[in-house]
Structures are given as C-alpha cells and as structure tokens.
Amino acid sequence: MFEISTDMNTTNPSSGDAERWLAVEQRSEKADGTFVYGVTTTGIYCRPSCGSKAARRENVVYFDDPSDAEKSGFRACKRCRPNEQGQAVQRAEMIAHACRMIEGAEEPPSLEVLAKAAGVSRYHFHRIFKSVTGVTPKAYAAAARVKKLRGELVGSASVTRAIFDAGYNASSRFYEESTSRLGMRPKQFRDGGRDTQIKFAIGECSLGSVLVAATDKGVCAIDLGSDAAELLASLQDRFPQADLIGGDEAFERLVARVIGYLEEPHGELDLPLDIRGTAFQHQVWAALRAIPAGKTVSYTDIAKAIGKPSAVRAVAQACSANRIAVAIPCHRVVRLDGDVSGYRWGVDRKRALLSREAAA
C-alpha cells in the first residue's frame, strides 16, 4: 500500500488548474516541464504528455515540481519518467546548439546541415525549431546576421565591409531589408543616427517628465523620468549623431495625446511605432500590445502566449529592453504572484499606471 501526504504541495484550485487539466487531457508536450500531475488512486505522478490511461479529473492533483510530488508520497511513472530530463528540455538543448551554429557561422547553415547536426529529418527539425523559438531557421539566421551587423557597423569604417563580415553574400540583399531591420539605413546606424531627423518634445504630467521622440517611420521613444534634461541626454546617448529637432505644433499634439493617456488611460494608445529589436523581442512586444488595458498578465503567461513556456527570464529581459512606455505596455506584466516589480521607469509609476487603467 502506498501513502500519500494529506499536506500535498499543490496549487490552489483556480482557473490555472483548469488549464492544467486541459493540458493533461490533450497530452500537451508544450506543458511538459511546467508541472506534473499525480493520480491519487494509483499514487503515481506523470508528465502532462504521458500516454498512459487517462485518469478521472477528481483523482488528479498538480505539482510544480517532481520533488513536490515525491514529498507527497507519489512515485514517478515508469512510462513517461517525469523525474528525468524531458523531451522538451532535450529539444531545447538541440535547438540551442543549432542557434549557436547559426550565430557562429560565416554563412547561414542550410536547413539540411542543421538537421543533420541535430540527428533528425529536415521537416522534423524545421517544425521543432519553430515551435521552440517561434521563428523559422531562416528568420532566425536573418536576425542573427543583423545583430552581428550592428556590432560590425559600430567599429567599421566601411559599411560594405561590415555587411560582408556579418555574413551577407551580397550587399544588395541586405539593403532590401536594412531599414526595417535597423530602423534606418546602415550607414546612419553605424554613425549613431547621422543624417537622421528625430523629432522630440518634452512635457510634464503627474508622473513626472515625459519625452516623446519619433523618426519619419514612427515613435521610437516614450521616456518617463523626474528630470527633463536627463531624458534628453538619454536620447542623445542613443542617437549621438542624429539631428534632434524640437517638435512642431503637430508633433506637440502627439505629445499631448500621450500625456492625456498617461493621466486618464482609455482604450489603447495606438501609435505608429519605429521599433528596433531582435526577432524574439518583437514577439514579446507584439504580445504585450495584445494585453487589454486594465488587465495584467505574468511573465509566464507571455512566455506561453508566444509558444516558449520555458523562456520566462528572456521575456522579462525583453520587457526591460522596451524603450516605448505605454504604447508597448510592459507595465501590464507582473510577477506570477501578482507582485508589481521590474519597470524601467520605476515601480511607483507602474503601480500608478495599473491603478489608473483599472479605474478606467
């Protein structure tokens, strides 16, 4: 006979349990590694994807970690081996190795080369790579080249040399996508925004000073702070060679719109944006813009929403890299326990924004 502790370390019954039960019903591989479930009638705990006979819902309890299940008297399933490294972890390691191959190669490796190194078929590798990273190997390679190019441009006297050093076999191929990737032409990026006009204006609201800046493509910064001079200095540091010009009357109306939203948020602040970041950051930022005003989600929720449930820390880093306050609402992301923390512009401002949105 087995004994099960009556003080089981499970999560409290909630909508989260409903989601976990759905994952068990669907034998979701994506949920592997996020929790395990125990069956009280057998004393065995399994991965969500386990192919064993389905248990009755009323006999199922959930644990965040295999060690918690074992402390409560459950034994590991011999079929899915939940106490050993899971398939999701193995896949993550395989894709991490492929990413390192892509990032370290002078020329982007072909799909066939990457699949062979992983020991799987091209189709299988392509499917797994996209499920883990959220992008195709080709898109990841393109983003990796641009990231390398950014570094090459900073220290290179020749834009063409930097393009070839970054792995582009033809400069024309890069120029086709350079503006969308860098937010400006490569020479302008290398020169800290040289020959780029950035309009800006600074206003005041109850949260302090507000700086709004935009290129001809859209808003590239909404910055909050207690010192207007520091906000301007920060913009100059980002684009030391750009032509920073004070906004005209039309631009000041845009700033007034931002300030009005900060004071009394209603709906969404829908603005054309000039966003520069990695493919992963763009995924996270797009997910942030999908969060309705007045609602909050956790970093874990965002990681799941973009199909990378184990990338919680990377999601938090992408949120902290956001330079466009409110329009990309990273303030709506909180810790799993609901605690408000981690905001570029200060936790007090984050609390104030959430409070105002909840009231609206």
Protein backbone atom coordinates (compact mmCIF):
# COMPACT_ATOMS: atom_id res chain seq x y z
CA MET A 1 0.00 0.00 0.00
CA PHE A 2 1.22 3.49 -0.74
CA GLU A 3 0.80 6.51 1.48
CA ILE A 4 0.02 9.96 0.20
CA SER A 5 0.59 13.02 2.35
CA THR A 6 -2.52 14.94 3.22
CA ASP A 7 -0.41 18.12 3.12
CA MET A 8 0.19 18.00 -0.61
CA ASN A 9 2.11 20.90 -2.13
CA THR A 10 -0.34 21.60 -4.91
CA THR A 11 -1.52 24.87 -6.30
CA ASN A 12 -4.82 26.20 -5.00
CA PRO A 13 -7.84 25.33 -7.16
CA SER A 14 -8.13 28.05 -9.78
CA SER A 15 -8.52 28.73 -13.47
CA GLY A 16 -4.88 27.62 -13.64
CA ASP A 17 -5.97 24.11 -12.63
CA ALA A 18 -8.49 24.14 -15.46
CA GLU A 19 -5.68 24.97 -17.89
CA ARG A 20 -3.55 22.19 -16.43
CA TRP A 21 -6.35 19.66 -16.73
CA LEU A 22 -6.83 20.68 -20.37
CA ALA A 23 -3.10 20.10 -20.95
CA VAL A 24 -3.41 16.63 -19.37
CA GLU A 25 -6.48 15.82 -21.48
CA GLN A 26 -4.66 16.90 -24.64
CA ARG A 27 -1.38 15.23 -23.58
CA SER A 28 0.32 18.51 -24.32
CA GLU A 29 4.08 18.25 -24.86
CA LYS A 30 4.33 22.04 -24.54
CA ALA A 31 3.20 21.75 -20.93
CA ASP A 32 5.97 19.28 -20.05
CA GLY A 33 8.38 20.86 -17.61
CA THR A 34 5.82 23.38 -16.33
CA PHE A 35 4.11 20.95 -13.91
CA VAL A 36 3.45 17.29 -13.15
CA TYR A 37 0.22 15.66 -12.04
CA GLY A 38 -0.42 12.91 -9.53
CA VAL A 39 -3.24 10.34 -9.55
CA THR A 40 -4.46 9.73 -6.01
CA THR A 41 -5.91 6.29 -6.80
CA THR A 42 -2.58 4.90 -8.05
CA GLY A 43 -0.04 7.03 -6.19
CA ILE A 44 1.80 7.73 -9.47
CA TYR A 45 2.73 11.10 -10.95
CA CYS A 46 3.23 11.84 -14.65
CA ARG A 47 4.14 14.45 -17.22
CA PRO A 48 1.19 16.24 -18.90
CA SER A 49 2.06 14.46 -22.16
CA CYS A 50 2.08 10.96 -20.66
CA GLY A 51 0.35 8.42 -22.87
CA SER A 52 -0.90 6.25 -20.02
CA LYS A 53 -4.61 5.60 -19.43
CA ALA A 54 -6.48 8.81 -18.70
CA ALA A 55 -7.27 9.46 -15.04
CA ARG A 56 -10.51 10.84 -13.70
CA ARG A 57 -10.30 14.57 -13.07
CA GLU A 58 -11.39 14.32 -9.44
CA ASN A 59 -8.43 12.00 -8.75
CA VAL A 60 -5.82 14.37 -10.20
CA VAL A 61 -3.65 16.79 -8.22
CA TYR A 62 -0.97 19.10 -9.59
CA PHE A 63 2.60 19.86 -8.55
CA ASP A 64 5.02 22.50 -9.80
CA ASP A 65 7.98 20.13 -9.49
CA PRO A 66 8.59 16.34 -9.37
CA SER A 67 10.25 16.70 -5.96
CA ASP A 68 7.00 18.12 -4.56
CA ALA A 69 5.08 15.11 -5.86
CA GLU A 70 7.55 12.69 -4.29
CA LYS A 71 7.43 14.52 -0.96
CA SER A 72 3.68 13.93 -1.00
CA GLY A 73 4.16 10.18 -1.47
CA PHE A 74 3.75 9.81 -5.23
CA ARG A 75 6.03 7.61 -7.38
CA ALA A 76 7.36 8.52 -10.81
CA CYS A 77 5.60 6.95 -13.79
CA LYS A 78 7.84 4.36 -15.49
CA ARG A 79 6.36 5.19 -18.86
CA CYS A 80 6.92 8.96 -19.13
CA ARG A 81 9.71 9.18 -16.48
CA PRO A 82 8.74 12.66 -15.20
CA ASN A 83 11.74 12.79 -12.83
CA GLU A 84 14.19 12.58 -15.74
CA GLN A 85 15.13 15.12 -18.37
CA GLY A 86 12.08 15.62 -20.54
CA GLN A 87 11.65 15.72 -24.27
CA ALA A 88 11.03 19.46 -24.11
CA VAL A 89 14.40 20.00 -22.43
CA GLN A 90 16.13 17.75 -24.95
CA ARG A 91 14.54 19.68 -27.79
CA ALA A 92 15.53 22.99 -26.21
CA GLU A 93 19.14 21.84 -25.97
CA MET A 94 19.08 20.65 -29.59
CA ILE A 95 17.73 23.99 -30.81
CA ALA A 96 20.15 25.94 -28.60
CA HIS A 97 23.01 24.09 -30.29
CA ALA A 98 21.53 24.90 -33.70
CA CYS A 99 21.23 28.57 -32.74
CA ARG A 100 24.89 28.62 -31.75
CA MET A 101 25.76 27.07 -35.12
CA ILE A 102 23.79 29.78 -36.91
CA GLU A 103 25.26 32.62 -34.86
CA GLY A 104 28.85 31.40 -35.23
CA ALA A 105 28.79 30.63 -38.95
CA GLU A 106 30.19 32.99 -41.58
CA GLU A 107 27.42 31.88 -43.96
CA PRO A 108 23.99 30.81 -42.65
CA PRO A 109 23.96 26.98 -42.48
CA SER A 110 21.42 25.28 -44.71
CA LEU A 111 18.40 23.52 -43.24
CA GLU A 112 19.94 20.21 -44.29
CA VAL A 113 23.19 20.94 -42.40
CA LEU A 114 21.33 21.98 -39.25
CA ALA A 115 19.03 18.94 -39.35
CA LYS A 116 21.96 16.57 -39.87
CA ALA A 117 23.80 18.06 -36.88
CA ALA A 118 20.64 17.57 -34.79
CA GLY A 119 20.22 13.99 -36.00
CA VAL A 120 16.69 14.44 -37.31
CA SER A 121 14.99 14.97 -40.66
CA ARG A 122 14.76 18.42 -42.27
CA TYR A 123 10.99 18.52 -41.80
CA HIS A 124 11.19 17.43 -38.17
CA PHE A 125 13.97 19.90 -37.39
CA HIS A 126 12.12 22.80 -39.05
CA ARG A 127 8.95 22.03 -37.07
CA ILE A 128 10.79 21.73 -33.74
CA PHE A 129 12.90 24.84 -34.34
CA LYS A 130 9.81 26.96 -34.99
CA SER A 131 7.92 25.51 -32.01
CA VAL A 132 10.83 26.30 -29.66
CA THR A 133 11.95 29.70 -30.99
CA GLY A 134 8.74 30.94 -32.57
CA VAL A 135 10.51 31.68 -35.88
CA THR A 136 11.85 29.61 -38.76
CA PRO A 137 15.59 28.79 -39.02
CA LYS A 138 15.77 31.20 -41.96
CA ALA A 139 14.21 34.05 -39.99
CA TYR A 140 16.47 33.34 -37.02
CA ALA A 141 19.54 33.39 -39.28
CA ALA A 142 18.42 36.72 -40.74
CA ALA A 143 18.03 38.21 -37.25
CA ALA A 144 21.42 36.82 -36.21
CA ARG A 145 23.08 38.44 -39.22
CA VAL A 146 21.52 41.79 -38.41
CA LYS A 147 22.64 41.51 -34.78
CA LYS A 148 26.18 40.78 -35.97
CA LEU A 149 25.97 43.63 -38.44
CA ARG A 150 25.04 46.06 -35.68
CA GLY A 151 28.29 45.20 -33.94
CA GLU A 152 30.29 45.37 -37.16
CA LEU A 153 28.84 48.75 -38.12
CA VAL A 154 29.79 50.34 -34.82
CA GLY A 155 33.51 49.78 -35.32
CA SER A 156 33.84 49.65 -39.11
CA ALA A 157 34.97 52.41 -41.43
CA SER A 158 33.26 50.68 -44.35
CA VAL A 159 29.59 49.80 -44.44
CA THR A 160 30.17 47.34 -47.30
CA ARG A 161 32.93 45.56 -45.36
CA ALA A 162 30.67 45.33 -42.31
CA ILE A 163 27.85 43.83 -44.39
CA PHE A 164 30.08 41.09 -45.79
CA ASP A 165 31.70 40.46 -42.39
CA ALA A 166 28.20 39.94 -40.99
CA GLY A 167 27.57 37.09 -43.43
CA TYR A 168 25.70 38.73 -46.31
CA ASN A 169 27.00 37.42 -49.63
CA ALA A 170 25.60 40.42 -51.50
CA SER A 171 25.16 43.94 -50.19
CA SER A 172 22.01 44.37 -52.28
CA ARG A 173 20.38 41.54 -50.34
CA PHE A 174 20.91 43.37 -47.08
CA TYR A 175 19.84 46.79 -48.33
CA GLU A 176 16.47 45.28 -49.29
CA GLU A 177 15.71 44.74 -45.61
CA SER A 178 18.06 47.15 -43.82
CA THR A 179 15.56 49.88 -42.98
CA SER A 180 13.04 47.52 -41.39
CA ARG A 181 15.78 45.66 -39.51
CA LEU A 182 17.77 48.63 -38.21
CA GLY A 183 15.11 51.33 -38.29
CA MET A 184 17.37 53.44 -40.53
CA ARG A 185 19.90 53.00 -43.30
CA PRO A 186 23.03 51.02 -42.21
CA LYS A 187 25.39 53.97 -42.59
CA GLN A 188 23.11 56.05 -40.43
CA PHE A 189 23.02 53.32 -37.79
CA ARG A 190 26.81 53.00 -37.84
CA ASP A 191 27.15 56.75 -37.43
CA GLY A 192 24.83 56.89 -34.43
CA GLY A 193 21.89 58.13 -36.47
CA ARG A 194 23.83 60.56 -38.68
CA ASP A 195 21.59 62.31 -41.23
CA THR A 196 18.51 61.01 -39.42
CA GLN A 197 15.99 63.51 -38.19
CA ILE A 198 14.39 62.69 -34.87
CA LYS A 199 11.69 64.99 -33.65
CA PHE A 200 11.18 65.22 -29.92
CA ALA A 201 9.27 67.16 -27.30
CA ILE A 202 9.16 67.03 -23.53
CA GLY A 203 6.08 67.61 -21.43
CA GLU A 204 5.05 67.27 -17.82
CA CYS A 205 2.39 65.17 -16.15
CA SER A 206 1.60 63.85 -12.68
CA LEU A 207 4.12 61.02 -13.23
CA GLY A 208 6.96 63.47 -13.97
CA SER A 209 8.60 64.47 -17.23
CA VAL A 210 7.61 62.79 -20.49
CA LEU A 211 9.81 62.69 -23.59
CA VAL A 212 8.35 61.56 -26.90
CA ALA A 213 10.62 61.09 -29.93
CA ALA A 214 9.89 59.90 -33.45
CA THR A 215 11.57 59.28 -36.79
CA ASP A 216 9.68 59.60 -40.04
CA LYS A 217 8.60 55.96 -39.54
CA GLY A 218 7.02 56.34 -36.13
CA VAL A 219 7.55 56.85 -32.41
CA CYS A 220 10.95 55.49 -31.33
CA ALA A 221 10.85 56.55 -27.67
CA ILE A 222 8.41 57.40 -24.93
CA ASP A 223 10.52 58.03 -21.86
CA LEU A 224 9.43 58.89 -18.32
CA GLY A 225 11.57 60.46 -15.60
CA SER A 226 11.93 63.12 -12.96
CA ASP A 227 14.41 65.30 -14.86
CA ALA A 228 13.72 66.59 -18.39
CA ALA A 229 17.42 67.22 -19.02
CA GLU A 230 18.28 63.61 -18.18
CA LEU A 231 15.63 62.34 -20.59
CA LEU A 232 17.08 64.43 -23.40
CA ALA A 233 20.62 63.33 -22.54
CA SER A 234 19.49 59.69 -22.73
CA LEU A 235 18.02 60.26 -26.20
CA GLN A 236 21.27 61.91 -27.32
CA ASP A 237 23.25 58.94 -26.00
CA ARG A 238 21.16 56.53 -28.08
CA PHE A 239 21.50 58.61 -31.27
CA PRO A 240 24.65 60.74 -30.79
CA GLN A 241 24.85 61.78 -34.45
CA ALA A 242 21.15 62.17 -35.21
CA ASP A 243 19.65 65.54 -35.97
CA LEU A 244 17.44 66.08 -32.92
CA ILE A 245 14.91 68.79 -33.58
CA GLY A 246 12.15 70.16 -31.45
CA GLY A 247 8.71 69.02 -32.50
CA ASP A 248 6.40 71.38 -34.34
CA GLU A 249 2.80 72.10 -33.38
CA ALA A 250 1.54 68.85 -34.92
CA PHE A 251 4.14 66.85 -33.01
CA GLU A 252 3.28 68.59 -29.77
CA ARG A 253 -0.32 67.45 -30.27
CA LEU A 254 1.05 63.90 -30.37
CA VAL A 255 2.86 64.52 -27.09
CA ALA A 256 -0.33 65.94 -25.60
CA ARG A 257 -2.11 62.75 -26.65
CA VAL A 258 0.48 60.64 -24.85
CA ILE A 259 0.26 62.78 -21.71
CA GLY A 260 -3.54 62.63 -21.82
CA TYR A 261 -3.36 58.84 -21.95
CA LEU A 262 -0.95 58.75 -19.02
CA GLU A 263 -3.32 60.83 -16.93
CA GLU A 264 -6.58 59.15 -17.97
CA PRO A 265 -5.98 55.91 -19.87
CA HIS A 266 -8.90 54.81 -22.03
CA GLY A 267 -8.64 52.03 -24.60
CA GLU A 268 -5.26 51.64 -26.27
CA LEU A 269 -2.62 54.18 -27.24
CA ASP A 270 -2.46 53.23 -30.92
CA LEU A 271 0.55 54.97 -32.48
CA PRO A 272 2.80 54.24 -35.48
CA LEU A 273 6.00 52.85 -33.95
CA ASP A 274 9.60 52.61 -35.09
CA ILE A 275 10.63 49.54 -33.08
CA ARG A 276 14.14 48.09 -33.24
CA GLY A 277 14.95 44.77 -31.67
CA THR A 278 15.58 41.08 -32.17
CA ALA A 279 13.04 38.66 -33.57
CA PHE A 280 12.34 37.37 -30.05
CA GLN A 281 11.89 40.89 -28.66
CA HIS A 282 9.42 41.70 -31.43
CA GLN A 283 7.43 38.59 -30.49
CA VAL A 284 7.28 39.66 -26.85
CA TRP A 285 6.42 43.27 -27.68
CA ALA A 286 3.61 42.15 -30.00
CA ALA A 287 2.22 40.00 -27.17
CA LEU A 288 2.41 42.99 -24.82
CA ARG A 289 0.37 45.12 -27.21
CA ALA A 290 -2.34 42.44 -27.17
CA ILE A 291 -2.92 42.81 -23.40
CA PRO A 292 -6.13 44.81 -22.86
CA ALA A 293 -5.98 47.94 -20.74
CA GLY A 294 -6.98 47.22 -17.15
CA LYS A 295 -5.67 43.66 -17.30
CA THR A 296 -2.39 42.21 -16.09
CA VAL A 297 -0.56 39.02 -17.03
CA SER A 298 2.56 37.31 -15.72
CA TYR A 299 5.87 36.84 -17.49
CA THR A 300 4.95 33.15 -17.57
CA ASP A 301 1.70 33.98 -19.39
CA ILE A 302 3.62 35.92 -22.05
CA ALA A 303 6.13 33.09 -22.45
CA LYS A 304 3.26 30.66 -23.03
CA ALA A 305 1.49 33.07 -25.39
CA ILE A 306 4.49 33.19 -27.72
CA GLY A 307 4.94 29.42 -27.56
CA LYS A 308 8.03 29.40 -25.33
CA PRO A 309 6.84 28.44 -21.82
CA SER A 310 10.39 27.99 -20.53
CA ALA A 311 11.62 31.41 -21.71
CA VAL A 312 10.25 33.37 -18.73
CA ARG A 313 13.57 35.07 -17.94
CA ALA A 314 14.11 36.02 -21.59
CA VAL A 315 10.61 37.51 -21.66
CA ALA A 316 11.45 39.62 -18.62
CA GLN A 317 14.62 40.84 -20.35
CA ALA A 318 12.68 41.73 -23.50
CA CYS A 319 10.23 43.72 -21.37
CA SER A 320 13.09 45.62 -19.73
CA ALA A 321 14.57 46.38 -23.18
CA ASN A 322 11.39 48.20 -24.24
CA ARG A 323 12.03 51.92 -24.75
CA ILE A 324 8.47 52.93 -25.65
CA ALA A 325 6.43 53.31 -22.47
CA VAL A 326 2.65 52.80 -22.50
CA ALA A 327 2.38 52.27 -26.28
CA ILE A 328 4.15 48.95 -25.69
CA PRO A 329 2.51 48.29 -22.31
CA CYS A 330 5.15 46.30 -20.44
CA HIS A 331 3.69 47.80 -17.25
CA ARG A 332 0.84 45.28 -17.58
CA VAL A 333 3.20 42.39 -16.89
CA VAL A 334 3.58 41.38 -13.24
CA ARG A 335 5.18 38.54 -11.35
CA LEU A 336 3.43 35.18 -11.11
CA ASP A 337 2.32 36.00 -7.55
CA GLY A 338 0.81 39.30 -8.76
CA ASP A 339 3.55 41.47 -7.26
CA VAL A 340 4.44 44.63 -9.19
CA SER A 341 8.16 44.83 -9.97
CA GLY A 342 10.69 45.35 -12.71
CA TYR A 343 9.84 48.56 -14.59
CA ARG A 344 12.38 50.70 -16.47
CA TRP A 345 10.61 53.86 -15.39
CA GLY A 346 10.12 52.96 -11.73
CA VAL A 347 7.80 50.64 -9.81
CA ASP A 348 5.77 53.56 -8.41
CA ARG A 349 4.92 54.72 -11.94
CA LYS A 350 3.99 51.15 -12.86
CA ARG A 351 1.60 50.92 -9.91
CA ALA A 352 0.09 54.29 -10.80
CA LEU A 353 -0.50 53.29 -14.42
CA LEU A 354 -2.11 49.99 -13.43
CA SER A 355 -4.30 51.73 -10.87
CA ARG A 356 -5.48 54.29 -13.41
CA GLU A 357 -6.22 51.66 -16.05
CA ALA A 358 -8.13 49.54 -13.55
CA ALA A 359 -10.22 52.56 -12.57
CA ALA A 360 -10.89 53.49 -16.20
